[in-house]
């Protein structure tokens, strides 16, 4: 195994928006193990690589060699599933996220301005 595997694992962890502690918890490992492996001081075990592949729908071949696509599924679905699990999102939350992702940049800006307006109004009422 190589340091390149560690770089790909870091890429996966960041793609699913987890810190080392959260990532380790999902893999039933201690954060220190993830830290040591990511820094190249320890190699990821075959079992851990298989767990990463299974839990996060990562292409095992990509994880080991860098060949192919990172995710077995669409990366958007993997990220959304991770967000759903991490923040206990319901279907309406997921619809909001999917709608936002599909918006054009100008539409996103309008939406952000709307949310900021609501947030500012709520701060003024406190």
N, C-alpha and C. Protein backbone atom coordinates (compact mmCIF):
# COMPACT_ATOMS: atom_id res chain seq x y z
N UNK A 1 0.85 -1.19 0.00
CA UNK A 1 0.00 0.00 0.00
C UNK A 1 0.89 1.23 0.00
N UNK A 2 0.28 2.32 -0.36
CA UNK A 2 1.12 3.50 -0.51
C UNK A 2 0.46 4.73 0.10
N UNK A 3 1.24 5.78 0.09
CA UNK A 3 0.75 7.07 0.55
C UNK A 3 -0.38 7.57 -0.35
N UNK A 4 -0.43 7.08 -1.60
CA UNK A 4 -1.51 7.49 -2.50
C UNK A 4 -2.86 7.01 -2.00
N UNK A 5 -2.89 5.85 -1.37
CA UNK A 5 -4.15 5.37 -0.78
C UNK A 5 -4.60 6.33 0.30
N UNK A 6 -3.67 6.76 1.13
CA UNK A 6 -4.01 7.72 2.19
C UNK A 6 -4.60 8.99 1.58
N UNK A 7 -4.01 9.47 0.50
CA UNK A 7 -4.54 10.67 -0.16
C UNK A 7 -5.94 10.43 -0.69
N UNK A 8 -6.19 9.24 -1.23
CA UNK A 8 -7.54 8.95 -1.75
C UNK A 8 -8.54 8.82 -0.61
N UNK A 9 -8.12 8.24 0.52
CA UNK A 9 -9.03 8.15 1.67
C UNK A 9 -9.37 9.55 2.18
N UNK A 10 -8.41 10.43 2.24
CA UNK A 10 -8.67 11.82 2.64
C UNK A 10 -9.66 12.45 1.67
N UNK A 11 -9.48 12.18 0.39
CA UNK A 11 -10.39 12.72 -0.62
C UNK A 11 -11.82 12.22 -0.40
N UNK A 12 -11.95 10.94 -0.08
CA UNK A 12 -13.28 10.37 0.22
C UNK A 12 -13.87 11.05 1.44
N UNK A 13 -13.08 11.14 2.51
CA UNK A 13 -13.58 11.73 3.76
C UNK A 13 -14.07 13.15 3.53
N UNK A 14 -13.32 13.92 2.76
CA UNK A 14 -13.73 15.29 2.48
C UNK A 14 -14.95 15.34 1.57
N UNK A 15 -15.04 14.40 0.64
CA UNK A 15 -16.19 14.36 -0.28
C UNK A 15 -17.49 14.08 0.46
N UNK A 16 -17.41 13.33 1.55
CA UNK A 16 -18.62 13.04 2.32
C UNK A 16 -18.77 13.98 3.51
N UNK A 17 -17.92 15.01 3.54
CA UNK A 17 -18.01 16.10 4.52
C UNK A 17 -17.95 15.62 5.97
N UNK A 18 -16.95 14.79 6.25
CA UNK A 18 -16.75 14.31 7.61
C UNK A 18 -15.35 14.67 8.09
N UNK A 19 -15.24 15.00 9.37
CA UNK A 19 -13.91 15.18 9.94
C UNK A 19 -13.38 13.80 10.32
N UNK A 20 -12.14 13.75 10.80
CA UNK A 20 -11.55 12.45 11.13
C UNK A 20 -12.33 11.70 12.20
N UNK A 21 -12.82 12.41 13.19
CA UNK A 21 -13.58 11.77 14.27
C UNK A 21 -14.86 11.15 13.73
N UNK A 22 -15.60 11.90 12.94
CA UNK A 22 -16.86 11.40 12.38
C UNK A 22 -16.61 10.21 11.44
N UNK A 23 -15.56 10.34 10.62
CA UNK A 23 -15.20 9.28 9.68
C UNK A 23 -14.84 8.01 10.45
N UNK A 24 -14.04 8.16 11.48
CA UNK A 24 -13.64 7.01 12.30
C UNK A 24 -14.85 6.35 12.95
N UNK A 25 -15.78 7.16 13.45
CA UNK A 25 -16.99 6.61 14.08
C UNK A 25 -17.78 5.76 13.09
N UNK A 26 -17.92 6.24 11.86
CA UNK A 26 -18.66 5.49 10.84
C UNK A 26 -17.98 4.15 10.54
N UNK A 27 -16.66 4.12 10.68
CA UNK A 27 -15.89 2.91 10.41
C UNK A 27 -15.64 2.07 11.67
N UNK A 28 -16.17 2.53 12.80
CA UNK A 28 -15.99 1.87 14.09
C UNK A 28 -14.50 1.76 14.44
N UNK A 29 -13.79 2.87 14.23
CA UNK A 29 -12.36 2.95 14.54
C UNK A 29 -12.12 4.15 15.46
N UNK A 30 -10.94 4.20 16.02
CA UNK A 30 -10.55 5.37 16.80
C UNK A 30 -10.02 6.44 15.84
N UNK A 31 -10.23 7.71 16.19
CA UNK A 31 -9.76 8.80 15.35
C UNK A 31 -8.26 8.73 15.15
N UNK A 32 -7.54 8.29 16.18
CA UNK A 32 -6.08 8.24 16.09
C UNK A 32 -5.62 7.29 14.98
N UNK A 33 -6.37 6.23 14.74
CA UNK A 33 -6.01 5.31 13.66
C UNK A 33 -6.15 6.00 12.31
N UNK A 34 -7.25 6.72 12.13
CA UNK A 34 -7.46 7.46 10.88
C UNK A 34 -6.35 8.50 10.71
N UNK A 35 -6.03 9.19 11.77
CA UNK A 35 -4.98 10.21 11.72
C UNK A 35 -3.64 9.60 11.32
N UNK A 36 -3.27 8.51 11.95
CA UNK A 36 -2.00 7.85 11.64
C UNK A 36 -1.96 7.37 10.19
N UNK A 37 -3.07 6.79 9.73
CA UNK A 37 -3.12 6.29 8.35
C UNK A 37 -3.09 7.43 7.34
N UNK A 38 -3.85 8.47 7.60
CA UNK A 38 -3.89 9.60 6.68
C UNK A 38 -2.53 10.30 6.59
N UNK A 39 -1.79 10.30 7.68
CA UNK A 39 -0.48 10.96 7.68
C UNK A 39 0.62 10.04 7.13
N UNK A 40 0.28 8.79 6.81
CA UNK A 40 1.25 7.87 6.24
C UNK A 40 2.09 7.14 7.28
N UNK A 41 1.79 7.31 8.56
CA UNK A 41 2.56 6.65 9.61
C UNK A 41 2.09 5.21 9.83
N UNK A 42 0.96 4.89 9.26
CA UNK A 42 0.39 3.55 9.37
C UNK A 42 -0.39 3.30 8.09
N UNK A 43 -0.45 2.04 7.67
CA UNK A 43 -1.21 1.71 6.46
C UNK A 43 -2.64 1.35 6.82
N UNK A 44 -3.55 1.65 5.92
CA UNK A 44 -4.93 1.22 6.09
C UNK A 44 -4.97 -0.29 5.87
N UNK A 45 -5.69 -0.98 6.74
CA UNK A 45 -5.83 -2.43 6.58
C UNK A 45 -6.76 -2.72 5.41
N UNK A 46 -6.65 -3.93 4.91
CA UNK A 46 -7.55 -4.37 3.83
C UNK A 46 -9.00 -4.28 4.31
N UNK A 47 -9.24 -4.68 5.55
CA UNK A 47 -10.60 -4.63 6.10
C UNK A 47 -11.13 -3.20 6.12
N UNK A 48 -10.29 -2.25 6.54
CA UNK A 48 -10.72 -0.85 6.59
C UNK A 48 -11.02 -0.33 5.19
N UNK A 49 -10.20 -0.68 4.22
CA UNK A 49 -10.46 -0.25 2.84
C UNK A 49 -11.78 -0.82 2.34
N UNK A 50 -12.04 -2.08 2.67
CA UNK A 50 -13.32 -2.69 2.27
C UNK A 50 -14.49 -2.03 2.98
N UNK A 51 -14.30 -1.67 4.26
CA UNK A 51 -15.35 -0.98 5.00
C UNK A 51 -15.63 0.40 4.39
N UNK A 52 -14.59 1.12 4.05
CA UNK A 52 -14.76 2.43 3.42
C UNK A 52 -15.55 2.26 2.13
N UNK A 53 -15.18 1.25 1.35
CA UNK A 53 -15.88 0.98 0.10
C UNK A 53 -17.35 0.70 0.33
N UNK A 54 -17.64 -0.16 1.30
CA UNK A 54 -19.03 -0.56 1.56
C UNK A 54 -19.86 0.56 2.17
N UNK A 55 -19.32 1.24 3.16
CA UNK A 55 -20.08 2.25 3.90
C UNK A 55 -20.32 3.50 3.07
N UNK A 56 -19.33 3.89 2.28
CA UNK A 56 -19.43 5.15 1.54
C UNK A 56 -19.62 4.96 0.04
N UNK A 57 -19.91 3.72 -0.39
CA UNK A 57 -20.12 3.39 -1.80
C UNK A 57 -18.95 3.82 -2.68
N UNK A 58 -17.75 3.60 -2.15
CA UNK A 58 -16.53 3.95 -2.88
C UNK A 58 -16.08 2.74 -3.70
N UNK A 59 -15.64 3.03 -4.91
CA UNK A 59 -15.10 2.01 -5.80
C UNK A 59 -13.79 1.50 -5.19
N UNK A 60 -13.77 0.23 -4.78
CA UNK A 60 -12.59 -0.33 -4.11
C UNK A 60 -11.36 -0.28 -5.00
N UNK A 61 -11.52 -0.51 -6.29
CA UNK A 61 -10.39 -0.45 -7.22
C UNK A 61 -9.81 0.96 -7.25
N UNK A 62 -10.68 1.97 -7.28
CA UNK A 62 -10.21 3.36 -7.25
C UNK A 62 -9.46 3.63 -5.95
N UNK A 63 -10.01 3.14 -4.85
CA UNK A 63 -9.39 3.38 -3.54
C UNK A 63 -7.97 2.79 -3.50
N UNK A 64 -7.80 1.61 -4.06
CA UNK A 64 -6.50 0.94 -4.01
C UNK A 64 -5.52 1.45 -5.07
N UNK A 65 -6.02 1.74 -6.28
CA UNK A 65 -5.11 2.04 -7.40
C UNK A 65 -5.29 3.42 -7.99
N UNK A 66 -6.42 4.05 -7.73
CA UNK A 66 -6.70 5.35 -8.35
C UNK A 66 -7.36 5.21 -9.72
N UNK A 67 -7.62 3.98 -10.16
CA UNK A 67 -8.23 3.76 -11.47
C UNK A 67 -9.75 3.71 -11.35
N UNK A 68 -10.42 4.33 -12.30
CA UNK A 68 -11.88 4.35 -12.31
C UNK A 68 -12.42 5.56 -11.59
N UNK A 69 -13.69 5.51 -11.27
CA UNK A 69 -14.38 6.60 -10.58
C UNK A 69 -14.31 6.39 -9.07
N UNK A 70 -14.35 7.50 -8.33
CA UNK A 70 -14.28 7.41 -6.87
C UNK A 70 -15.46 6.64 -6.30
N UNK A 71 -16.64 7.00 -6.73
CA UNK A 71 -17.84 6.40 -6.14
C UNK A 71 -18.47 5.40 -7.09
N UNK A 72 -19.03 4.35 -6.51
CA UNK A 72 -19.77 3.36 -7.29
C UNK A 72 -21.07 3.97 -7.79
N UNK A 73 -21.66 4.85 -6.99
CA UNK A 73 -22.90 5.54 -7.35
C UNK A 73 -22.53 6.96 -7.72
N UNK A 74 -23.55 7.72 -8.03
CA UNK A 74 -23.34 9.15 -8.26
C UNK A 74 -22.84 9.77 -6.97
N UNK A 75 -21.81 10.60 -7.04
CA UNK A 75 -21.24 11.19 -5.83
C UNK A 75 -22.27 12.05 -5.10
N UNK A 76 -23.16 12.68 -5.84
CA UNK A 76 -24.19 13.51 -5.20
C UNK A 76 -25.03 12.67 -4.25
N UNK A 77 -25.42 11.47 -4.67
CA UNK A 77 -26.22 10.60 -3.82
C UNK A 77 -25.47 10.17 -2.58
N UNK A 78 -24.19 9.89 -2.72
CA UNK A 78 -23.38 9.47 -1.58
C UNK A 78 -23.29 10.61 -0.57
N UNK A 79 -23.04 11.81 -1.05
CA UNK A 79 -22.92 12.97 -0.17
C UNK A 79 -24.26 13.24 0.52
N UNK A 80 -25.33 13.19 -0.24
CA UNK A 80 -26.65 13.44 0.34
C UNK A 80 -27.00 12.36 1.38
N UNK A 81 -26.66 11.11 1.09
CA UNK A 81 -26.90 10.05 2.07
C UNK A 81 -26.09 10.28 3.34
N UNK A 82 -24.87 10.75 3.19
CA UNK A 82 -24.04 11.04 4.37
C UNK A 82 -24.65 12.19 5.17
N UNK A 83 -25.12 13.22 4.48
CA UNK A 83 -25.77 14.34 5.16
C UNK A 83 -27.04 13.88 5.87
N UNK A 84 -27.82 13.04 5.19
CA UNK A 84 -29.06 12.52 5.77
C UNK A 84 -28.75 11.80 7.08
N UNK A 85 -27.75 10.95 7.07
CA UNK A 85 -27.40 10.19 8.27
C UNK A 85 -26.83 11.09 9.36
N UNK A 86 -25.96 12.00 8.98
CA UNK A 86 -25.29 12.85 9.96
C UNK A 86 -26.24 13.82 10.65
N UNK A 87 -27.20 14.37 9.89
CA UNK A 87 -28.06 15.42 10.43
C UNK A 87 -29.52 14.99 10.57
N UNK A 88 -29.79 13.68 10.43
CA UNK A 88 -31.14 13.15 10.59
C UNK A 88 -32.15 13.90 9.71
N UNK A 89 -31.83 14.02 8.42
CA UNK A 89 -32.67 14.78 7.50
C UNK A 89 -33.85 13.94 7.03
N UNK A 90 -34.99 14.60 6.85
CA UNK A 90 -36.15 13.91 6.30
C UNK A 90 -36.22 14.19 4.79
N UNK A 91 -37.26 13.68 4.15
CA UNK A 91 -37.38 13.81 2.69
C UNK A 91 -37.54 15.26 2.24
N UNK A 92 -38.20 16.09 3.03
CA UNK A 92 -38.33 17.50 2.67
C UNK A 92 -36.96 18.18 2.71
N UNK A 93 -36.16 17.88 3.73
CA UNK A 93 -34.79 18.41 3.80
C UNK A 93 -34.01 18.01 2.56
N UNK A 94 -34.13 16.74 2.18
CA UNK A 94 -33.39 16.23 1.01
C UNK A 94 -33.87 16.92 -0.26
N UNK A 95 -35.17 17.12 -0.38
CA UNK A 95 -35.71 17.84 -1.55
C UNK A 95 -35.15 19.26 -1.62
N UNK A 96 -35.06 19.92 -0.48
CA UNK A 96 -34.50 21.28 -0.44
C UNK A 96 -33.05 21.26 -0.92
N UNK A 97 -32.28 20.31 -0.42
CA UNK A 97 -30.87 20.22 -0.81
C UNK A 97 -30.75 19.93 -2.30
N UNK A 98 -31.50 18.96 -2.79
CA UNK A 98 -31.44 18.63 -4.23
C UNK A 98 -31.87 19.81 -5.10
N UNK A 99 -32.88 20.52 -4.66
CA UNK A 99 -33.34 21.69 -5.42
C UNK A 99 -32.26 22.76 -5.45
N UNK A 100 -31.65 23.02 -4.31
CA UNK A 100 -30.59 24.03 -4.23
C UNK A 100 -29.43 23.65 -5.14
N UNK A 101 -29.02 22.39 -5.09
CA UNK A 101 -27.90 21.93 -5.92
C UNK A 101 -28.19 22.12 -7.40
N UNK A 102 -29.44 21.95 -7.78
CA UNK A 102 -29.78 22.04 -9.21
C UNK A 102 -29.99 23.48 -9.69
N UNK A 103 -29.99 24.45 -8.78
CA UNK A 103 -30.21 25.85 -9.15
C UNK A 103 -29.02 26.43 -9.90
N UNK A 104 -29.33 27.38 -10.76
CA UNK A 104 -28.29 28.16 -11.42
C UNK A 104 -27.70 29.12 -10.37
N UNK A 105 -26.48 29.61 -10.60
CA UNK A 105 -25.85 30.51 -9.63
C UNK A 105 -26.72 31.71 -9.23
N UNK A 106 -27.39 32.33 -10.18
CA UNK A 106 -28.24 33.47 -9.85
C UNK A 106 -29.40 33.06 -8.96
N UNK A 107 -30.00 31.91 -9.25
CA UNK A 107 -31.09 31.41 -8.41
C UNK A 107 -30.60 31.13 -6.99
N UNK A 108 -29.40 30.57 -6.88
CA UNK A 108 -28.83 30.31 -5.56
C UNK A 108 -28.65 31.61 -4.79
N UNK A 109 -28.18 32.64 -5.47
CA UNK A 109 -27.97 33.92 -4.80
C UNK A 109 -29.29 34.49 -4.29
N UNK A 110 -30.34 34.40 -5.09
CA UNK A 110 -31.67 34.87 -4.67
C UNK A 110 -32.12 34.09 -3.44
N UNK A 111 -31.94 32.78 -3.47
CA UNK A 111 -32.32 31.94 -2.35
C UNK A 111 -31.53 32.29 -1.10
N UNK A 112 -30.21 32.49 -1.24
CA UNK A 112 -29.38 32.87 -0.09
C UNK A 112 -29.81 34.21 0.48
N UNK A 113 -30.13 35.15 -0.39
CA UNK A 113 -30.60 36.46 0.09
C UNK A 113 -31.90 36.31 0.86
N UNK A 114 -32.79 35.45 0.38
CA UNK A 114 -34.06 35.19 1.05
C UNK A 114 -33.81 34.61 2.45
N UNK A 115 -32.96 33.60 2.53
CA UNK A 115 -32.65 32.97 3.82
C UNK A 115 -31.98 33.96 4.76
N UNK A 116 -31.06 34.76 4.23
CA UNK A 116 -30.39 35.78 5.05
C UNK A 116 -31.42 36.77 5.60
N UNK A 117 -32.39 37.16 4.77
CA UNK A 117 -33.45 38.07 5.21
C UNK A 117 -34.25 37.48 6.35
N UNK A 118 -34.58 36.21 6.24
CA UNK A 118 -35.32 35.54 7.32
C UNK A 118 -34.46 35.50 8.59
N UNK A 119 -33.20 35.14 8.43
CA UNK A 119 -32.28 35.06 9.57
C UNK A 119 -32.13 36.42 10.25
N UNK A 120 -31.94 37.48 9.45
CA UNK A 120 -31.80 38.83 10.01
C UNK A 120 -33.06 39.25 10.72
N UNK A 121 -34.22 38.92 10.14
CA UNK A 121 -35.51 39.30 10.76
C UNK A 121 -35.66 38.59 12.10
N UNK A 122 -35.29 37.30 12.15
CA UNK A 122 -35.40 36.54 13.40
C UNK A 122 -34.45 37.07 14.47
N UNK A 123 -33.28 37.53 14.06
CA UNK A 123 -32.33 38.08 15.02
C UNK A 123 -32.88 39.37 15.62
N UNK A 124 -33.58 40.17 14.81
CA UNK A 124 -34.16 41.42 15.28
C UNK A 124 -35.33 41.22 16.23
N UNK A 125 -35.99 40.08 16.14
CA UNK A 125 -37.16 39.80 17.01
C UNK A 125 -36.75 39.20 18.34
N UNK A 126 -35.51 38.87 18.52
CA UNK A 126 -35.07 38.25 19.79
C UNK A 126 -34.88 39.26 20.87
